[in-house]
Amino acid sequence: MISEPPRRERLGAWLLLLGTTVAGIGLVWDIQWHSDVGPDTFFTLPHLVMYLGTAISGTTSLAVVLLTTRAADRASAITVLRVFRAPLPFLLCGTAAAVGLLYGLADLWWHTVYGFDVTPTSPPHVAMSLMSLFDTVGVTLAFIMMRRSASGRFGLAAAVAASTASLVFLAYSTPPLPGVHSVVLAITAVAVLLIAATAGALRSPKAVAMIAATYVAVQVLLWFFPMPATKLYAESLGLGLRDYVTGVPVMPITFPMAMPLAALTFAAGIHFAVRRNWSPKTSILTLGAVAGTLVALGYFAVPVFEPEPLTLVAGPVVGALAAWIGWQLGSLGRAATQEGSHV
């Protein structure tokens, strides 16, 4: 059994989701700006939108920690500096936001010295990507704690979809491997892990299937927003677009297009595995392999990366491994938020 978290944490979870979503929109817009216009500074609007999302998550986490410290119902919170009591999701998101905002000073220095910041492997981008991992874990845990309610289950599916942008950006930094497209495999691992973690946390095929709907909604937003926003903002600054602008959203086209299909397949597989009393170990590995194959195949249907045939051979293996890790992580989050547990 689990108890419903206090109102401050329920509201805080939605504000964390807002922060993650705003940061993702800023990230996609910033990359579109680099592609279609080019010149930027630390204070270019798309860049500031990213930090706005981080600030929303950070201030939300701080408020929840302070309110929890003052409240009586704080048994499952973690003691910080012997004074503060912090629920684990907000400790993770707050730490990620604090480090990310502090590292913004280094980002400001980088832009001041070098101007452009166009590679995923620049120090500011690597730091931002690593902090997004902590933010993803925190926001998903916040909604796992609310899994008794339909809104909590929907929020988890929405958090998975909203986290995809930053995690795909992190996958861009994957070092090359001979014979396969390492970035495609990294994105495949991310997609399958998020799906399997949701399954492990909720044990609900319907909740896993919900990822397909929330992912499509987020994809539509990120597909149609950055290009007109970039054009309008450039015109307001008296800047023009580059001659070779393709009219295609630069980052969303690299997202795993087959992720909704993989989520629906995973959900259907869980449903039949439960009805037939199949072993979780066997069924999760099998479903992961199928989901990994589907996600990797999506990059051959939409060849935004140069196809490497061996990638399809590695896709099922990566998918199976990611599914098992995701299932264990989701189960761990589920156990950590049981009623009476102390994290």
C-alpha atoms as a PDB file:
ATOM      1  CA  MET A   1       0.000   0.000   0.000  1.00  0.00           C
ATOM      2  CA  ILE A   2       1.081   3.569  -0.599  1.00  0.00           C
ATOM      3  CA  SER A   3      -0.168   6.767   0.914  1.00  0.00           C
ATOM      4  CA  GLU A   4      -0.953   9.852  -1.113  1.00  0.00           C
ATOM      5  CA  PRO A   5       1.839  12.414  -0.664  1.00  0.00           C
ATOM      6  CA  PRO A   6       0.920  15.719   0.975  1.00  0.00           C
ATOM      7  CA  ARG A   7      -0.573  18.488  -1.119  1.00  0.00           C
ATOM      8  CA  ARG A   8       2.698  20.432  -1.313  1.00  0.00           C
ATOM      9  CA  GLU A   9       4.404  17.467  -3.003  1.00  0.00           C
ATOM     10  CA  ARG A  10       1.521  16.837  -5.390  1.00  0.00           C
ATOM     11  CA  LEU A  11       1.513  20.452  -6.517  1.00  0.00           C
ATOM     12  CA  GLY A  12       5.300  20.455  -6.534  1.00  0.00           C
ATOM     13  CA  ALA A  13       5.380  17.458  -8.879  1.00  0.00           C
ATOM     14  CA  TRP A  14       3.339  19.337 -11.494  1.00  0.00           C
ATOM     15  CA  LEU A  15       5.594  22.378 -11.159  1.00  0.00           C
ATOM     16  CA  LEU A  16       8.629  20.133 -11.630  1.00  0.00           C
ATOM     17  CA  LEU A  17       6.990  18.820 -14.789  1.00  0.00           C
ATOM     18  CA  LEU A  18       6.426  22.405 -15.928  1.00  0.00           C
ATOM     19  CA  GLY A  19      10.099  23.190 -15.359  1.00  0.00           C
ATOM     20  CA  THR A  20      11.220  20.105 -17.281  1.00  0.00           C
ATOM     21  CA  THR A  21       8.869  20.958 -20.152  1.00  0.00           C
ATOM     22  CA  VAL A  22       9.983  24.596 -20.350  1.00  0.00           C
ATOM     23  CA  ALA A  23      13.652  23.548 -20.296  1.00  0.00           C
ATOM     24  CA  GLY A  24      12.981  21.047 -23.100  1.00  0.00           C
ATOM     25  CA  ILE A  25      11.239  23.690 -25.210  1.00  0.00           C
ATOM     26  CA  GLY A  26      14.161  26.061 -24.642  1.00  0.00           C
ATOM     27  CA  LEU A  27      16.655  23.360 -25.623  1.00  0.00           C
ATOM     28  CA  VAL A  28      14.859  22.521 -28.865  1.00  0.00           C
ATOM     29  CA  TRP A  29      14.403  26.207 -29.694  1.00  0.00           C
ATOM     30  CA  ASP A  30      18.067  26.980 -28.940  1.00  0.00           C
ATOM     31  CA  ILE A  31      19.283  24.267 -31.288  1.00  0.00           C
ATOM     32  CA  GLN A  32      16.894  25.484 -34.000  1.00  0.00           C
ATOM     33  CA  TRP A  33      18.257  28.992 -33.502  1.00  0.00           C
ATOM     34  CA  HIS A  34      21.840  27.791 -33.943  1.00  0.00           C
ATOM     35  CA  SER A  35      20.849  26.017 -37.147  1.00  0.00           C
ATOM     36  CA  ASP A  36      18.628  28.649 -38.782  1.00  0.00           C
ATOM     37  CA  VAL A  37      20.202  31.906 -37.552  1.00  0.00           C
ATOM     38  CA  GLY A  38      23.497  31.194 -35.827  1.00  0.00           C
ATOM     39  CA  PRO A  39      24.681  34.113 -33.698  1.00  0.00           C
ATOM     40  CA  ASP A  40      23.777  33.852 -30.051  1.00  0.00           C
ATOM     41  CA  THR A  41      24.803  35.011 -26.627  1.00  0.00           C
ATOM     42  CA  PHE A  42      24.076  33.722 -23.150  1.00  0.00           C
ATOM     43  CA  PHE A  43      21.132  36.124 -23.083  1.00  0.00           C
ATOM     44  CA  THR A  44      19.530  35.018 -26.358  1.00  0.00           C
ATOM     45  CA  LEU A  45      15.872  34.240 -25.605  1.00  0.00           C
ATOM     46  CA  PRO A  46      15.919  30.479 -26.418  1.00  0.00           C
ATOM     47  CA  HIS A  47      18.956  30.117 -24.162  1.00  0.00           C
ATOM     48  CA  LEU A  48      17.233  31.948 -21.331  1.00  0.00           C
ATOM     49  CA  VAL A  49      14.117  29.772 -21.686  1.00  0.00           C
ATOM     50  CA  MET A  50      16.276  26.724 -20.888  1.00  0.00           C
ATOM     51  CA  TYR A  51      17.477  28.342 -17.685  1.00  0.00           C
ATOM     52  CA  LEU A  52      13.938  29.473 -16.876  1.00  0.00           C
ATOM     53  CA  GLY A  53      12.885  25.809 -16.812  1.00  0.00           C
ATOM     54  CA  THR A  54      15.781  25.018 -14.503  1.00  0.00           C
ATOM     55  CA  ALA A  55      14.840  27.939 -12.253  1.00  0.00           C
ATOM     56  CA  ILE A  56      11.234  26.721 -12.024  1.00  0.00           C
ATOM     57  CA  SER A  57      12.413  23.288 -10.902  1.00  0.00           C
ATOM     58  CA  GLY A  58      14.904  24.777  -8.455  1.00  0.00           C
ATOM     59  CA  THR A  59      12.542  27.226  -6.755  1.00  0.00           C
ATOM     60  CA  THR A  60       9.827  24.568  -6.578  1.00  0.00           C
ATOM     61  CA  SER A  61      12.200  22.122  -4.920  1.00  0.00           C
ATOM     62  CA  LEU A  62      13.397  24.740  -2.452  1.00  0.00           C
ATOM     63  CA  ALA A  63       9.825  25.665  -1.515  1.00  0.00           C
ATOM     64  CA  VAL A  64       8.832  22.021  -0.970  1.00  0.00           C
ATOM     65  CA  VAL A  65      11.934  21.365   1.142  1.00  0.00           C
ATOM     66  CA  LEU A  66      11.235  24.403   3.341  1.00  0.00           C
ATOM     67  CA  LEU A  67       7.568  23.484   3.724  1.00  0.00           C
ATOM     68  CA  THR A  68       8.475  19.878   4.552  1.00  0.00           C
ATOM     69  CA  THR A  69      11.021  20.997   7.119  1.00  0.00           C
ATOM     70  CA  ARG A  70       8.314  23.013   8.830  1.00  0.00           C
ATOM     71  CA  ALA A  71       5.617  20.326   8.603  1.00  0.00           C
ATOM     72  CA  ALA A  72       4.913  17.426  10.926  1.00  0.00           C
ATOM     73  CA  ASP A  73       4.256  14.799   8.184  1.00  0.00           C
ATOM     74  CA  ARG A  74       7.836  14.400   7.022  1.00  0.00           C
ATOM     75  CA  ALA A  75       8.831  10.872   8.057  1.00  0.00           C
ATOM     76  CA  SER A  76       9.899   9.791   4.576  1.00  0.00           C
ATOM     77  CA  ALA A  77      12.049  12.868   3.929  1.00  0.00           C
ATOM     78  CA  ILE A  78      15.839  12.959   4.027  1.00  0.00           C
ATOM     79  CA  THR A  79      17.714  15.066   6.550  1.00  0.00           C
ATOM     80  CA  VAL A  80      20.023  17.587   4.855  1.00  0.00           C
ATOM     81  CA  LEU A  81      22.718  19.472   6.790  1.00  0.00           C
ATOM     82  CA  ARG A  82      21.011  18.322  10.025  1.00  0.00           C
ATOM     83  CA  VAL A  83      18.409  21.037   9.559  1.00  0.00           C
ATOM     84  CA  PHE A  84      16.333  20.559   6.440  1.00  0.00           C
ATOM     85  CA  ARG A  85      13.982  17.688   5.568  1.00  0.00           C
ATOM     86  CA  ALA A  86      13.763  17.001   1.840  1.00  0.00           C
ATOM     87  CA  PRO A  87      11.561  14.492  -0.033  1.00  0.00           C
ATOM     88  CA  LEU A  88      13.848  12.522  -2.342  1.00  0.00           C
ATOM     89  CA  PRO A  89      12.349  13.724  -5.687  1.00  0.00           C
ATOM     90  CA  PHE A  90      12.746  17.356  -4.708  1.00  0.00           C
ATOM     91  CA  LEU A  91      16.227  16.790  -3.305  1.00  0.00           C
ATOM     92  CA  LEU A  92      17.284  15.363  -6.676  1.00  0.00           C
ATOM     93  CA  CYS A  93      15.614  18.072  -8.773  1.00  0.00           C
ATOM     94  CA  GLY A  94      16.756  20.831  -6.440  1.00  0.00           C
ATOM     95  CA  THR A  95      20.359  19.634  -6.526  1.00  0.00           C
ATOM     96  CA  ALA A  96      20.271  19.364 -10.317  1.00  0.00           C
ATOM     97  CA  ALA A  97      18.810  22.862 -10.636  1.00  0.00           C
ATOM     98  CA  ALA A  98      21.271  24.411  -8.174  1.00  0.00           C
ATOM     99  CA  VAL A  99      24.304  22.876  -9.877  1.00  0.00           C
ATOM    100  CA  GLY A 100      22.902  23.708 -13.309  1.00  0.00           C
ATOM    101  CA  LEU A 101      22.284  27.350 -12.416  1.00  0.00           C
ATOM    102  CA  LEU A 102      25.716  27.683 -10.808  1.00  0.00           C
ATOM    103  CA  TYR A 103      27.274  26.140 -13.876  1.00  0.00           C
ATOM    104  CA  GLY A 104      25.425  28.812 -15.854  1.00  0.00           C
ATOM    105  CA  LEU A 105      28.248  31.128 -14.753  1.00  0.00           C
ATOM    106  CA  ALA A 106      30.672  28.897 -16.646  1.00  0.00           C
ATOM    107  CA  ASP A 107      28.227  28.902 -19.561  1.00  0.00           C
ATOM    108  CA  LEU A 108      28.218  32.721 -19.509  1.00  0.00           C
ATOM    109  CA  TRP A 109      32.028  32.707 -19.509  1.00  0.00           C
ATOM    110  CA  TRP A 110      32.079  30.228 -22.411  1.00  0.00           C
ATOM    111  CA  HIS A 111      29.785  32.402 -24.514  1.00  0.00           C
ATOM    112  CA  THR A 112      31.769  35.527 -23.619  1.00  0.00           C
ATOM    113  CA  VAL A 113      35.091  33.990 -24.661  1.00  0.00           C
ATOM    114  CA  TYR A 114      34.065  31.754 -27.590  1.00  0.00           C
ATOM    115  CA  GLY A 115      30.702  33.195 -28.671  1.00  0.00           C
ATOM    116  CA  PHE A 116      29.087  30.138 -30.210  1.00  0.00           C
ATOM    117  CA  ASP A 117      28.252  27.019 -28.248  1.00  0.00           C
ATOM    118  CA  VAL A 118      27.148  24.638 -30.975  1.00  0.00           C
ATOM    119  CA  THR A 119      28.464  21.220 -29.997  1.00  0.00           C
ATOM    120  CA  PRO A 120      26.832  18.802 -27.537  1.00  0.00           C
ATOM    121  CA  THR A 121      30.273  18.049 -26.089  1.00  0.00           C
ATOM    122  CA  SER A 122      31.109  21.599 -24.967  1.00  0.00           C
ATOM    123  CA  PRO A 123      31.549  21.752 -21.153  1.00  0.00           C
ATOM    124  CA  PRO A 124      28.350  23.782 -20.550  1.00  0.00           C
ATOM    125  CA  HIS A 125      26.261  21.387 -22.638  1.00  0.00           C
ATOM    126  CA  VAL A 126      27.755  18.286 -21.012  1.00  0.00           C
ATOM    127  CA  ALA A 127      27.010  19.719 -17.562  1.00  0.00           C
ATOM    128  CA  MET A 128      23.452  20.597 -18.583  1.00  0.00           C
ATOM    129  CA  SER A 129      22.899  17.095 -19.956  1.00  0.00           C
ATOM    130  CA  LEU A 130      24.220  15.400 -16.827  1.00  0.00           C
ATOM    131  CA  MET A 131      22.018  17.520 -14.591  1.00  0.00           C
ATOM    132  CA  SER A 132      19.037  16.575 -16.761  1.00  0.00           C
ATOM    133  CA  LEU A 133      19.569  12.959 -15.690  1.00  0.00           C
ATOM    134  CA  PHE A 134      19.054  13.909 -12.050  1.00  0.00           C
ATOM    135  CA  ASP A 135      16.062  16.048 -12.998  1.00  0.00           C
ATOM    136  CA  THR A 136      14.489  13.152 -14.935  1.00  0.00           C
ATOM    137  CA  VAL A 137      14.888  10.773 -11.999  1.00  0.00           C
ATOM    138  CA  GLY A 138      13.486  13.352  -9.607  1.00  0.00           C
ATOM    139  CA  VAL A 139      10.389  14.299 -11.593  1.00  0.00           C
ATOM    140  CA  THR A 140       9.539  10.679 -12.382  1.00  0.00           C
ATOM    141  CA  LEU A 141       9.905   9.710  -8.705  1.00  0.00           C
ATOM    142  CA  ALA A 142       7.605  12.576  -7.754  1.00  0.00           C
ATOM    143  CA  PHE A 143       4.852  11.096  -9.917  1.00  0.00           C
ATOM    144  CA  ILE A 144       5.595   7.499  -8.894  1.00  0.00           C
ATOM    145  CA  MET A 145       4.693   8.629  -5.392  1.00  0.00           C
ATOM    146  CA  MET A 146       1.318   9.744  -6.800  1.00  0.00           C
ATOM    147  CA  ARG A 147       0.624   6.526  -8.702  1.00  0.00           C
ATOM    148  CA  ARG A 148      -2.571   5.731  -6.796  1.00  0.00           C
ATOM    149  CA  SER A 149      -4.356   8.520  -8.669  1.00  0.00           C
ATOM    150  CA  ALA A 150      -5.131   8.719 -12.384  1.00  0.00           C
ATOM    151  CA  SER A 151      -3.547  12.162 -12.488  1.00  0.00           C
ATOM    152  CA  GLY A 152      -0.340  10.782 -11.001  1.00  0.00           C
ATOM    153  CA  ARG A 153      -0.150   8.025 -13.607  1.00  0.00           C
ATOM    154  CA  PHE A 154      -0.813  10.522 -16.382  1.00  0.00           C
ATOM    155  CA  GLY A 155       1.807  12.847 -14.913  1.00  0.00           C
ATOM    156  CA  LEU A 156       4.412  10.079 -15.005  1.00  0.00           C
ATOM    157  CA  ALA A 157       3.670   9.394 -18.677  1.00  0.00           C
ATOM    158  CA  ALA A 158       3.903  13.133 -19.395  1.00  0.00           C
ATOM    159  CA  ALA A 159       7.190  13.380 -17.470  1.00  0.00           C
ATOM    160  CA  VAL A 160       8.664  10.567 -19.566  1.00  0.00           C
ATOM    161  CA  ALA A 161       7.670  12.380 -22.769  1.00  0.00           C
ATOM    162  CA  ALA A 162       8.920  15.762 -21.529  1.00  0.00           C
ATOM    163  CA  SER A 163      12.287  14.309 -20.482  1.00  0.00           C
ATOM    164  CA  THR A 164      13.004  12.832 -23.892  1.00  0.00           C
ATOM    165  CA  ALA A 165      14.464  16.021 -25.405  1.00  0.00           C
ATOM    166  CA  SER A 166      17.208  16.483 -22.825  1.00  0.00           C
ATOM    167  CA  LEU A 167      18.085  12.776 -22.744  1.00  0.00           C
ATOM    168  CA  VAL A 168      18.289  12.587 -26.543  1.00  0.00           C
ATOM    169  CA  PHE A 169      20.593  15.620 -26.433  1.00  0.00           C
ATOM    170  CA  LEU A 170      22.782  13.726 -23.969  1.00  0.00           C
ATOM    171  CA  ALA A 171      22.827  10.778 -26.384  1.00  0.00           C
ATOM    172  CA  TYR A 172      24.345  13.035 -29.063  1.00  0.00           C
ATOM    173  CA  SER A 173      27.586  12.929 -27.059  1.00  0.00           C
ATOM    174  CA  THR A 174      27.910   9.141 -27.376  1.00  0.00           C
ATOM    175  CA  PRO A 175      31.371   8.292 -28.771  1.00  0.00           C
ATOM    176  CA  PRO A 176      31.451   6.561 -32.172  1.00  0.00           C
ATOM    177  CA  LEU A 177      31.601   2.775 -32.362  1.00  0.00           C
ATOM    178  CA  PRO A 178      32.812   0.753 -35.372  1.00  0.00           C
ATOM    179  CA  GLY A 179      30.115  -0.728 -37.591  1.00  0.00           C
ATOM    180  CA  VAL A 180      27.111   0.726 -35.765  1.00  0.00           C
ATOM    181  CA  HIS A 181      25.555   4.139 -35.242  1.00  0.00           C
ATOM    182  CA  SER A 182      26.256   4.704 -31.555  1.00  0.00           C
ATOM    183  CA  VAL A 183      23.921   7.713 -31.266  1.00  0.00           C
ATOM    184  CA  VAL A 184      20.981   5.682 -32.587  1.00  0.00           C
ATOM    185  CA  LEU A 185      21.756   2.910 -30.114  1.00  0.00           C
ATOM    186  CA  ALA A 186      22.045   5.417 -27.255  1.00  0.00           C
ATOM    187  CA  ILE A 187      18.673   6.964 -28.134  1.00  0.00           C
ATOM    188  CA  THR A 188      17.194   3.462 -28.429  1.00  0.00           C
ATOM    189  CA  ALA A 189      18.453   2.660 -24.938  1.00  0.00           C
ATOM    190  CA  VAL A 190      16.968   5.895 -23.562  1.00  0.00           C
ATOM    191  CA  ALA A 191      13.553   5.280 -25.136  1.00  0.00           C
ATOM    192  CA  VAL A 192      13.272   1.652 -24.018  1.00  0.00           C
ATOM    193  CA  LEU A 193      14.600   2.411 -20.534  1.00  0.00           C
ATOM    194  CA  LEU A 194      11.973   5.132 -19.984  1.00  0.00           C
ATOM    195  CA  ILE A 195       9.174   2.817 -21.129  1.00  0.00           C
ATOM    196  CA  ALA A 196      10.365  -0.099 -19.003  1.00  0.00           C
ATOM    197  CA  ALA A 197      10.920   2.111 -15.944  1.00  0.00           C
ATOM    198  CA  THR A 198       7.306   3.258 -16.174  1.00  0.00           C
ATOM    199  CA  ALA A 199       6.195  -0.361 -16.431  1.00  0.00           C
ATOM    200  CA  GLY A 200       8.306  -1.359 -13.440  1.00  0.00           C
ATOM    201  CA  ALA A 201       6.974   1.486 -11.331  1.00  0.00           C
ATOM    202  CA  LEU A 202       3.272   1.240 -12.185  1.00  0.00           C
ATOM    203  CA  ARG A 203       2.782  -2.391 -13.305  1.00  0.00           C
ATOM    204  CA  SER A 204      -0.036  -1.104 -15.488  1.00  0.00           C
ATOM    205  CA  PRO A 205      -0.275  -1.724 -19.264  1.00  0.00           C
ATOM    206  CA  LYS A 206      -2.658   1.240 -19.588  1.00  0.00           C
ATOM    207  CA  ALA A 207      -0.155   3.571 -17.951  1.00  0.00           C
ATOM    208  CA  VAL A 208       2.613   2.369 -20.278  1.00  0.00           C
ATOM    209  CA  ALA A 209       0.342   2.823 -23.296  1.00  0.00           C
ATOM    210  CA  MET A 210      -0.347   6.368 -22.101  1.00  0.00           C
ATOM    211  CA  ILE A 211       3.287   7.202 -22.927  1.00  0.00           C
ATOM    212  CA  ALA A 212       2.373   6.932 -26.611  1.00  0.00           C
ATOM    213  CA  ALA A 213      -0.264   9.668 -26.304  1.00  0.00           C
ATOM    214  CA  THR A 214       1.818  12.051 -24.190  1.00  0.00           C
ATOM    215  CA  TYR A 215       4.862  11.533 -26.395  1.00  0.00           C
ATOM    216  CA  VAL A 216       2.914  12.375 -29.550  1.00  0.00           C
ATOM    217  CA  ALA A 217       1.524  15.504 -27.873  1.00  0.00           C
ATOM    218  CA  VAL A 218       4.989  16.672 -26.827  1.00  0.00           C
ATOM    219  CA  GLN A 219       6.401  15.816 -30.247  1.00  0.00           C
ATOM    220  CA  VAL A 220       3.734  17.901 -31.982  1.00  0.00           C
ATOM    221  CA  LEU A 221       4.523  20.876 -29.736  1.00  0.00           C
ATOM    222  CA  LEU A 222       8.266  20.603 -30.268  1.00  0.00           C
ATOM    223  CA  TRP A 223       7.849  19.943 -33.998  1.00  0.00           C
ATOM    224  CA  PHE A 224       5.765  23.012 -34.794  1.00  0.00           C
ATOM    225  CA  PHE A 225       6.974  25.572 -32.236  1.00  0.00           C
ATOM    226  CA  PRO A 226      10.724  26.145 -32.841  1.00  0.00           C
ATOM    227  CA  MET A 227      10.728  27.144 -36.530  1.00  0.00           C
ATOM    228  CA  PRO A 228       8.132  29.952 -36.455  1.00  0.00           C
ATOM    229  CA  ALA A 229       9.419  31.092 -33.050  1.00  0.00           C
ATOM    230  CA  THR A 230      12.945  31.304 -34.447  1.00  0.00           C
ATOM    231  CA  LYS A 231      11.802  33.277 -37.483  1.00  0.00           C
ATOM    232  CA  LEU A 232       9.748  35.751 -35.443  1.00  0.00           C
ATOM    233  CA  TYR A 233      12.492  36.265 -32.869  1.00  0.00           C
ATOM    234  CA  ALA A 234      15.143  36.738 -35.577  1.00  0.00           C
ATOM    235  CA  GLU A 235      12.991  39.335 -37.316  1.00  0.00           C
ATOM    236  CA  SER A 236      12.488  41.197 -34.024  1.00  0.00           C
ATOM    237  CA  LEU A 237      16.284  41.487 -33.733  1.00  0.00           C
ATOM    238  CA  GLY A 238      16.744  42.501 -37.350  1.00  0.00           C
ATOM    239  CA  LEU A 239      18.398  39.209 -38.246  1.00  0.00           C
ATOM    240  CA  GLY A 240      17.694  36.990 -41.232  1.00  0.00           C
ATOM    241  CA  LEU A 241      17.611  33.244 -41.661  1.00  0.00           C
ATOM    242  CA  ARG A 242      20.429  31.380 -43.323  1.00  0.00           C
ATOM    243  CA  ASP A 243      20.124  30.583 -47.025  1.00  0.00           C
ATOM    244  CA  TYR A 244      20.186  26.814 -46.508  1.00  0.00           C
ATOM    245  CA  VAL A 245      17.358  26.608 -43.950  1.00  0.00           C
ATOM    246  CA  THR A 246      15.460  23.401 -44.741  1.00  0.00           C
ATOM    247  CA  GLY A 247      12.201  24.128 -42.940  1.00  0.00           C
ATOM    248  CA  VAL A 248      12.617  20.987 -40.816  1.00  0.00           C
ATOM    249  CA  PRO A 249      12.840  21.082 -36.999  1.00  0.00           C
ATOM    250  CA  VAL A 250      16.469  20.212 -36.385  1.00  0.00           C
ATOM    251  CA  MET A 251      16.189  18.390 -33.069  1.00  0.00           C
ATOM    252  CA  PRO A 252      12.679  16.849 -33.072  1.00  0.00           C
ATOM    253  CA  ILE A 253      13.417  14.988 -36.299  1.00  0.00           C
ATOM    254  CA  THR A 254      16.132  13.085 -34.409  1.00  0.00           C
ATOM    255  CA  PHE A 255      13.745  11.980 -31.659  1.00  0.00           C
ATOM    256  CA  PRO A 256      12.757   8.280 -31.641  1.00  0.00           C
ATOM    257  CA  MET A 257       9.792   8.376 -34.037  1.00  0.00           C
ATOM    258  CA  ALA A 258       8.852   4.778 -33.233  1.00  0.00           C
ATOM    259  CA  MET A 259       8.713   5.338 -29.470  1.00  0.00           C
ATOM    260  CA  PRO A 260       4.870   5.457 -29.384  1.00  0.00           C
ATOM    261  CA  LEU A 261       4.722   2.141 -31.235  1.00  0.00           C
ATOM    262  CA  ALA A 262       7.345   0.689 -28.883  1.00  0.00           C
ATOM    263  CA  ALA A 263       5.312   1.853 -25.861  1.00  0.00           C
ATOM    264  CA  LEU A 264       2.090   0.328 -27.198  1.00  0.00           C
ATOM    265  CA  THR A 265       3.882  -2.929 -28.004  1.00  0.00           C
ATOM    266  CA  PHE A 266       5.419  -3.019 -24.535  1.00  0.00           C
ATOM    267  CA  ALA A 267       2.027  -2.372 -22.941  1.00  0.00           C
ATOM    268  CA  ALA A 268       0.353  -5.123 -24.957  1.00  0.00           C
ATOM    269  CA  GLY A 269       3.178  -7.516 -24.105  1.00  0.00           C
ATOM    270  CA  ILE A 270       2.845  -6.835 -20.372  1.00  0.00           C
ATOM    271  CA  HIS A 271      -0.902  -7.416 -20.596  1.00  0.00           C
ATOM    272  CA  PHE A 272      -0.472 -10.838 -22.188  1.00  0.00           C
ATOM    273  CA  ALA A 273       2.482 -11.759 -19.953  1.00  0.00           C
ATOM    274  CA  VAL A 274       0.370 -11.129 -16.838  1.00  0.00           C
ATOM    275  CA  ARG A 275      -2.584 -13.104 -18.202  1.00  0.00           C
ATOM    276  CA  ARG A 276      -0.355 -16.067 -19.023  1.00  0.00           C
ATOM    277  CA  ASN A 277       1.710 -15.779 -15.842  1.00  0.00           C
ATOM    278  CA  TRP A 278       4.992 -15.478 -17.741  1.00  0.00           C
ATOM    279  CA  SER A 279       8.219 -14.866 -15.859  1.00  0.00           C
ATOM    280  CA  PRO A 280       8.991 -11.115 -15.618  1.00  0.00           C
ATOM    281  CA  LYS A 281      12.643 -11.764 -16.429  1.00  0.00           C
ATOM    282  CA  THR A 282      11.796 -13.492 -19.702  1.00  0.00           C
ATOM    283  CA  SER A 283       8.955 -11.209 -20.729  1.00  0.00           C
ATOM    284  CA  ILE A 284      10.772  -7.929 -19.971  1.00  0.00           C
ATOM    285  CA  LEU A 285      13.895  -8.992 -21.849  1.00  0.00           C
ATOM    286  CA  THR A 286      11.805 -10.112 -24.817  1.00  0.00           C
ATOM    287  CA  LEU A 287       9.686  -6.965 -24.861  1.00  0.00           C
ATOM    288  CA  GLY A 288      12.815  -4.851 -24.565  1.00  0.00           C
ATOM    289  CA  ALA A 289      14.359  -6.573 -27.560  1.00  0.00           C
ATOM    290  CA  VAL A 290      11.200  -5.982 -29.609  1.00  0.00           C
ATOM    291  CA  ALA A 291      10.950  -2.345 -28.498  1.00  0.00           C
ATOM    292  CA  GLY A 292      14.643  -1.785 -29.228  1.00  0.00           C
ATOM    293  CA  THR A 293      14.201  -3.197 -32.720  1.00  0.00           C
ATOM    294  CA  LEU A 294      11.226  -0.922 -33.391  1.00  0.00           C
ATOM    295  CA  VAL A 295      13.012   2.223 -32.200  1.00  0.00           C
ATOM    296  CA  ALA A 296      16.143   1.408 -34.227  1.00  0.00           C
ATOM    297  CA  LEU A 297      14.028   0.626 -37.306  1.00  0.00           C
ATOM    298  CA  GLY A 298      12.473   4.072 -37.002  1.00  0.00           C
ATOM    299  CA  TYR A 299      15.829   5.619 -37.857  1.00  0.00           C
ATOM    300  CA  PHE A 300      15.954   3.633 -41.077  1.00  0.00           C
ATOM    301  CA  ALA A 301      12.437   4.749 -42.011  1.00  0.00           C
ATOM    302  CA  VAL A 302      13.421   8.375 -41.303  1.00  0.00           C
ATOM    303  CA  PRO A 303      17.164   8.398 -42.140  1.00  0.00           C
ATOM    304  CA  VAL A 304      18.278  11.496 -40.245  1.00  0.00           C
ATOM    305  CA  PHE A 305      21.466   9.636 -39.366  1.00  0.00           C
ATOM    306  CA  GLU A 306      23.569   7.656 -41.814  1.00  0.00           C
ATOM    307  CA  PRO A 307      22.215   4.079 -41.669  1.00  0.00           C
ATOM    308  CA  GLU A 308      24.542   1.395 -40.353  1.00  0.00           C
ATOM    309  CA  PRO A 309      23.014  -2.065 -40.971  1.00  0.00           C
ATOM    310  CA  LEU A 310      24.650  -3.611 -37.902  1.00  0.00           C
ATOM    311  CA  THR A 311      22.713  -1.117 -35.795  1.00  0.00           C
ATOM    312  CA  LEU A 312      19.618  -3.253 -36.389  1.00  0.00           C
ATOM    313  CA  VAL A 313      21.487  -6.283 -35.082  1.00  0.00           C
ATOM    314  CA  ALA A 314      22.585  -4.433 -31.947  1.00  0.00           C
ATOM    315  CA  GLY A 315      19.178  -2.779 -31.409  1.00  0.00           C
ATOM    316  CA  PRO A 316      17.461  -5.819 -29.835  1.00  0.00           C
ATOM    317  CA  VAL A 317      20.419  -6.439 -27.509  1.00  0.00           C
ATOM    318  CA  VAL A 318      20.537  -2.800 -26.387  1.00  0.00           C
ATOM    319  CA  GLY A 319      16.749  -2.792 -26.011  1.00  0.00           C
ATOM    320  CA  ALA A 320      16.707  -5.946 -23.874  1.00  0.00           C
ATOM    321  CA  LEU A 321      19.447  -4.625 -21.582  1.00  0.00           C
ATOM    322  CA  ALA A 322      17.808  -1.182 -21.301  1.00  0.00           C
ATOM    323  CA  ALA A 323      14.423  -2.774 -20.537  1.00  0.00           C
ATOM    324  CA  TRP A 324      15.828  -4.883 -17.732  1.00  0.00           C
ATOM    325  CA  ILE A 325      17.667  -1.919 -16.205  1.00  0.00           C
ATOM    326  CA  GLY A 326      14.575   0.265 -16.609  1.00  0.00           C
ATOM    327  CA  TRP A 327      12.320  -2.359 -15.001  1.00  0.00           C
ATOM    328  CA  GLN A 328      14.679  -2.634 -12.024  1.00  0.00           C
ATOM    329  CA  LEU A 329      14.907   1.138 -11.651  1.00  0.00           C
ATOM    330  CA  GLY A 330      11.121   1.472 -11.833  1.00  0.00           C
ATOM    331  CA  SER A 331      10.700  -1.306  -9.271  1.00  0.00           C
ATOM    332  CA  LEU A 332      13.245   0.392  -7.026  1.00  0.00           C
ATOM    333  CA  GLY A 333      11.310   3.661  -7.259  1.00  0.00           C
ATOM    334  CA  ARG A 334       8.113   1.787  -6.509  1.00  0.00           C
ATOM    335  CA  ALA A 335       9.635   0.167  -3.424  1.00  0.00           C
ATOM    336  CA  ALA A 336      11.141   3.452  -2.232  1.00  0.00           C
ATOM    337  CA  THR A 337       7.726   5.116  -2.238  1.00  0.00           C
ATOM    338  CA  GLN A 338       5.777   2.419  -0.430  1.00  0.00           C
ATOM    339  CA  GLU A 339       3.811   3.514   2.602  1.00  0.00           C
ATOM    340  CA  GLY A 340       6.019   3.544   5.654  1.00  0.00           C
ATOM    341  CA  SER A 341       9.274   3.309   3.730  1.00  0.00           C
ATOM    342  CA  HIS A 342      12.092   5.656   4.725  1.00  0.00           C
ATOM    343  CA  VAL A 343      14.264   6.952   1.917  1.00  0.00           C
END
